PDB file of N, CA and C in Angstrom:
ATOM      1  N   MET A   1      60.243  83.810 120.212  1.00  0.00           N
ATOM      2  CA  MET A   1      61.535  84.344 120.792  1.00  0.00           C
ATOM      3  C   MET A   1      62.586  84.820 119.649  1.00  0.00           C
ATOM      4  N   ARG A   2      62.638  84.805 118.636  1.00  0.00           N
ATOM      5  CA  ARG A   2      63.621  85.308 117.522  1.00  0.00           C
ATOM      6  C   ARG A   2      63.181  87.168 117.720  1.00  0.00           C
ATOM      7  N   LYS A   3      61.741  87.502 117.901  1.00  0.00           N
ATOM      8  CA  LYS A   3      61.725  88.792 117.722  1.00  0.00           C
ATOM      9  C   LYS A   3      62.037  89.360 119.288  1.00  0.00           C
ATOM     10  N   TYR A   4      62.459  88.550 119.982  1.00  0.00           N
ATOM     11  CA  TYR A   4      62.768  89.268 121.531  1.00  0.00           C
ATOM     12  C   TYR A   4      64.382  89.100 121.550  1.00  0.00           C
ATOM     13  N   LEU A   5      64.704  88.502 120.817  1.00  0.00           N
ATOM     14  CA  LEU A   5      66.531  88.428 120.451  1.00  0.00           C
ATOM     15  C   LEU A   5      66.727  89.178 119.605  1.00  0.00           C
ATOM     16  N   LEU A   6      66.300  89.319 118.701  1.00  0.00           N
ATOM     17  CA  LEU A   6      66.705  90.065 117.556  1.00  0.00           C
ATOM     18  C   LEU A   6      67.346  89.121 116.625  1.00  0.00           C
ATOM     19  N   LEU A   7      67.492  87.999 116.439  1.00  0.00           N
ATOM     20  CA  LEU A   7      68.273  87.124 116.248  1.00  0.00           C
ATOM     21  C   LEU A   7      67.741  87.279 114.278  1.00  0.00           C
ATOM     22  N   PRO A   8      69.131  86.944 113.575  1.00  0.00           N
ATOM     23  CA  PRO A   8      68.329  87.062 111.829  1.00  0.00           C
ATOM     24  C   PRO A   8      67.774  85.692 111.582  1.00  0.00           C
ATOM     25  N   LYS A   9      66.828  85.754 110.575  1.00  0.00           N
ATOM     26  CA  LYS A   9      66.248  84.816 109.929  1.00  0.00           C
ATOM     27  C   LYS A   9      67.491  83.844 109.335  1.00  0.00           C
ATOM     28  N   LYS A  10      67.284  82.391 109.767  1.00  0.00           N
ATOM     29  CA  LYS A  10      68.385  81.480 109.539  1.00  0.00           C
ATOM     30  C   LYS A  10      68.672  81.328 108.256  1.00  0.00           C
ATOM     31  N   LYS A  11      67.970  81.271 107.171  1.00  0.00           N
ATOM     32  CA  LYS A  11      68.262  81.447 105.733  1.00  0.00           C
ATOM     33  C   LYS A  11      68.903  81.990 105.253  1.00  0.00           C
ATOM     34  N   LEU A  12      68.281  83.403 105.540  1.00  0.00           N
ATOM     35  CA  LEU A  12      68.631  85.046 104.996  1.00  0.00           C
ATOM     36  C   LEU A  12      70.313  85.038 105.730  1.00  0.00           C
ATOM     37  N   TRP A  13      70.679  84.222 106.646  1.00  0.00           N
ATOM     38  CA  TRP A  13      71.825  84.592 107.475  1.00  0.00           C
ATOM     39  C   TRP A  13      72.613  83.945 106.884  1.00  0.00           C
ATOM     40  N   ILE A  14      72.461  82.278 106.285  1.00  0.00           N
ATOM     41  CA  ILE A  14      73.637  81.199 105.692  1.00  0.00           C
ATOM     42  C   ILE A  14      73.746  82.045 104.613  1.00  0.00           C
ATOM     43  N   ALA A  15      72.696  82.676 103.691  1.00  0.00           N
ATOM     44  CA  ALA A  15      73.299  83.184 102.279  1.00  0.00           C
ATOM     45  C   ALA A  15      74.121  84.223 102.473  1.00  0.00           C
ATOM     46  N   ALA A  16      74.090  85.066 103.345  1.00  0.00           N
ATOM     47  CA  ALA A  16      74.956  86.419 103.911  1.00  0.00           C
ATOM     48  C   ALA A  16      76.083  86.066 103.851  1.00  0.00           C
ATOM     49  N   LEU A  17      76.447  84.871 104.578  1.00  0.00           N
ATOM     50  CA  LEU A  17      77.441  84.268 105.043  1.00  0.00           C
ATOM     51  C   LEU A  17      78.193  83.740 104.031  1.00  0.00           C
ATOM     52  N   LYS A  18      77.518  82.949 103.106  1.00  0.00           N
ATOM     53  CA  LYS A  18      78.089  82.317 101.861  1.00  0.00           C
ATOM     54  C   LYS A  18      78.590  83.422 100.787  1.00  0.00           C
ATOM     55  N   MET A  19      77.881  84.682 100.763  1.00  0.00           N
ATOM     56  CA  MET A  19      78.393  85.526  99.771  1.00  0.00           C
ATOM     57  C   MET A  19      79.701  86.836 100.521  1.00  0.00           C
ATOM     58  N   ASN A  20      79.191  86.811 101.680  1.00  0.00           N
ATOM     59  CA  ASN A  20      80.540  87.608 102.364  1.00  0.00           C
ATOM     60  C   ASN A  20      81.880  86.886 102.434  1.00  0.00           C
ATOM     61  N   ARG A  21      82.268  85.368 102.077  1.00  0.00           N
ATOM     62  CA  ARG A  21      83.361  85.048 102.451  1.00  0.00           C
ATOM     63  C   ARG A  21      84.762  86.085 101.938  1.00  0.00           C
ATOM     64  N   TRP A  22      86.138  85.549 102.817  1.00  0.00           N
ATOM     65  CA  TRP A  22      87.233  85.853 102.492  1.00  0.00           C
ATOM     66  C   TRP A  22      88.143  84.838 102.908  1.00  0.00           C
ATOM     67  N   PRO A  23      89.362  85.219 102.144  1.00  0.00           N
ATOM     68  CA  PRO A  23      90.163  84.131 102.478  1.00  0.00           C
ATOM     69  C   PRO A  23      90.843  84.012 103.854  1.00  0.00           C
ATOM     70  N   VAL A  24      90.656  82.918 104.268  1.00  0.00           N
ATOM     71  CA  VAL A  24      91.253  82.756 105.788  1.00  0.00           C
ATOM     72  C   VAL A  24      92.731  82.481 105.580  1.00  0.00           C
ATOM     73  N   LYS A  25      93.058  83.188 106.358  1.00  0.00           N
ATOM     74  CA  LYS A  25      94.984  82.901 106.615  1.00  0.00           C
ATOM     75  C   LYS A  25      95.033  81.941 108.086  1.00  0.00           C
ATOM     76  N   TRP A  26      95.558  80.646 107.841  1.00  0.00           N
ATOM     77  CA  TRP A  26      95.491  80.204 108.992  1.00  0.00           C
ATOM     78  C   TRP A  26      96.910  80.544 109.996  1.00  0.00           C
ATOM     79  N   TRP A  27      98.050  81.010 108.929  1.00  0.00           N
ATOM     80  CA  TRP A  27      99.074  81.459 109.938  1.00  0.00           C
ATOM     81  C   TRP A  27      99.402  82.546 109.558  1.00  0.00           C
ATOM     82  N   ASP A  28     100.526  83.600 110.075  1.00  0.00           N
ATOM     83  CA  ASP A  28     101.169  84.720 109.722  1.00  0.00           C
ATOM     84  C   ASP A  28     102.640  84.659 109.649  1.00  0.00           C
ATOM     85  N   GLU A  29     102.968  85.137 108.344  1.00  0.00           N
ATOM     86  CA  GLU A  29     104.412  84.811 108.125  1.00  0.00           C
ATOM     87  C   GLU A  29     105.444  85.320 109.159  1.00  0.00           C
ATOM     88  N   GLN A  30     104.587  86.775 109.816  1.00  0.00           N
ATOM     89  CA  GLN A  30     105.583  87.550 110.507  1.00  0.00           C
ATOM     90  C   GLN A  30     105.500  87.077 111.759  1.00  0.00           C
ATOM     91  N   VAL A  31     104.607  86.266 112.595  1.00  0.00           N
ATOM     92  CA  VAL A  31     104.416  85.383 113.698  1.00  0.00           C
ATOM     93  C   VAL A  31     105.190  84.637 113.774  1.00  0.00           C
ATOM     94  N   GLU A  32     104.975  83.543 112.263  1.00  0.00           N
ATOM     95  CA  GLU A  32     106.648  82.737 112.241  1.00  0.00           C
ATOM     96  C   GLU A  32     107.511  82.528 112.628  1.00  0.00           C
ATOM     97  N   ALA A  33     108.083  84.071 111.593  1.00  0.00           N
ATOM     98  CA  ALA A  33     109.265  84.082 111.525  1.00  0.00           C
ATOM     99  C   ALA A  33     109.941  84.726 113.321  1.00  0.00           C
ATOM    100  N   ARG A  34     108.456  85.640 113.863  1.00  0.00           N
ATOM    101  CA  ARG A  34     109.256  86.228 115.604  1.00  0.00           C
ATOM    102  C   ARG A  34     109.314  84.733 116.277  1.00  0.00           C
ATOM    103  N   ARG A  35     108.474  83.676 115.762  1.00  0.00           N
ATOM    104  CA  ARG A  35     108.723  82.315 116.805  1.00  0.00           C
ATOM    105  C   ARG A  35     110.339  81.850 116.794  1.00  0.00           C
ATOM    106  N   LYS A  36     109.969  81.732 115.144  1.00  0.00           N
ATOM    107  CA  LYS A  36     111.583  80.740 114.804  1.00  0.00           C
ATOM    108  C   LYS A  36     112.814  81.527 115.588  1.00  0.00           C
ATOM    109  N   LYS A  37     112.503  83.019 115.031  1.00  0.00           N
ATOM    110  CA  LYS A  37     114.050  83.350 115.493  1.00  0.00           C
ATOM    111  C   LYS A  37     113.993  83.292 117.292  1.00  0.00           C
ATOM    112  N   GLU A  38     112.755  83.470 118.207  1.00  0.00           N
ATOM    113  CA  GLU A  38     112.716  83.129 119.562  1.00  0.00           C
ATOM    114  C   GLU A  38     113.250  81.670 119.626  1.00  0.00           C
ATOM    115  N   GLU A  39     113.108  80.409 118.771  1.00  0.00           N
ATOM    116  CA  GLU A  39     113.729  79.411 119.205  1.00  0.00           C
ATOM    117  C   GLU A  39     115.006  79.331 118.683  1.00  0.00           C
ATOM    118  N   LEU A  40     115.368  80.168 117.911  1.00  0.00           N
ATOM    119  CA  LEU A  40     117.179  80.154 117.828  1.00  0.00           C
ATOM    120  C   LEU A  40     117.821  80.433 118.603  1.00  0.00           C
ATOM    121  N   ARG A  41     117.033  81.953 119.329  1.00  0.00           N
ATOM    122  CA  ARG A  41     117.933  82.827 120.483  1.00  0.00           C
ATOM    123  C   ARG A  41     117.913  81.720 121.839  1.00  0.00           C
ATOM    124  N   LYS A  42     116.900  81.282 121.918  1.00  0.00           N
ATOM    125  CA  LYS A  42     116.956  80.113 123.128  1.00  0.00           C
ATOM    126  C   LYS A  42     117.691  79.110 123.298  1.00  0.00           C
ATOM    127  N   LYS A  43     117.767  78.190 121.739  1.00  0.00           N
ATOM    128  CA  LYS A  43     119.195  77.161 121.495  1.00  0.00           C
ATOM    129  C   LYS A  43     120.265  77.503 121.430  1.00  0.00           C
ATOM    130  N   ARG A  44     120.595  79.087 121.072  1.00  0.00           N
ATOM    131  CA  ARG A  44     121.857  79.651 121.223  1.00  0.00           C
ATOM    132  C   ARG A  44     122.408  79.915 122.731  1.00  0.00           C
ATOM    133  N   ILE A  45     121.187  80.184 123.697  1.00  0.00           N
ATOM    134  CA  ILE A  45     121.725  80.513 124.723  1.00  0.00           C
ATOM    135  C   ILE A  45     121.818  78.868 125.645  1.00  0.00           C
ATOM    136  N   GLU A  46     121.699  78.335 125.088  1.00  0.00           N
ATOM    137  CA  GLU A  46     121.274  76.189 126.142  1.00  0.00           C
ATOM    138  C   GLU A  46     122.650  76.150 125.534  1.00  0.00           C
ATOM    139  N   SER A  47     123.410  76.386 124.013  1.00  0.00           N
ATOM    140  CA  SER A  47     124.706  75.949 123.734  1.00  0.00           C
ATOM    141  C   SER A  47     125.496  76.761 124.742  1.00  0.00           C
ATOM    142  N   LEU A  48     125.474  77.868 124.936  1.00  0.00           N
ATOM    143  CA  LEU A  48     126.381  78.753 125.363  1.00  0.00           C
ATOM    144  C   LEU A  48     126.352  78.381 126.943  1.00  0.00           C
ATOM    145  N   TYR A  49     125.446  78.422 127.659  1.00  0.00           N
ATOM    146  CA  TYR A  49     125.533  78.118 129.043  1.00  0.00           C
ATOM    147  C   TYR A  49     124.820  76.603 129.298  1.00  0.00           C
ATOM    148  N   PRO A  50     125.640  75.514 129.294  1.00  0.00           N
ATOM    149  CA  PRO A  50     125.246  73.838 129.647  1.00  0.00           C
ATOM    150  C   PRO A  50     124.519  74.144 131.015  1.00  0.00           C
ATOM    151  N   LYS A  51     123.477  73.387 131.084  1.00  0.00           N
ATOM    152  CA  LYS A  51     122.867  73.147 132.505  1.00  0.00           C
ATOM    153  C   LYS A  51     123.895  72.185 133.515  1.00  0.00           C
ATOM    154  N   LYS A  52     124.028  72.752 134.589  1.00  0.00           N
ATOM    155  CA  LYS A  52     125.081  72.297 135.394  1.00  0.00           C
ATOM    156  C   LYS A  52     124.356  71.453 136.291  1.00  0.00           C
ATOM    157  N   LYS A  53     124.525  69.534 136.052  1.00  0.00           N
ATOM    158  CA  LYS A  53     124.426  68.745 136.798  1.00  0.00           C
ATOM    159  C   LYS A  53     124.726  68.287 138.265  1.00  0.00           C
TER     160      LYS A  53
END
């Protein structure tokens, strides 16, 4: 089966993954800053234009 699908050998593949690790970035400061900026903009708009009931 492995020959036909060209899958790597499991032990070698796992060893290669362990050797080629890099730090994982779980969040991006620029994306968070943009999101925060958007939230502040929405709050300002809501405070300027309250919804009529």
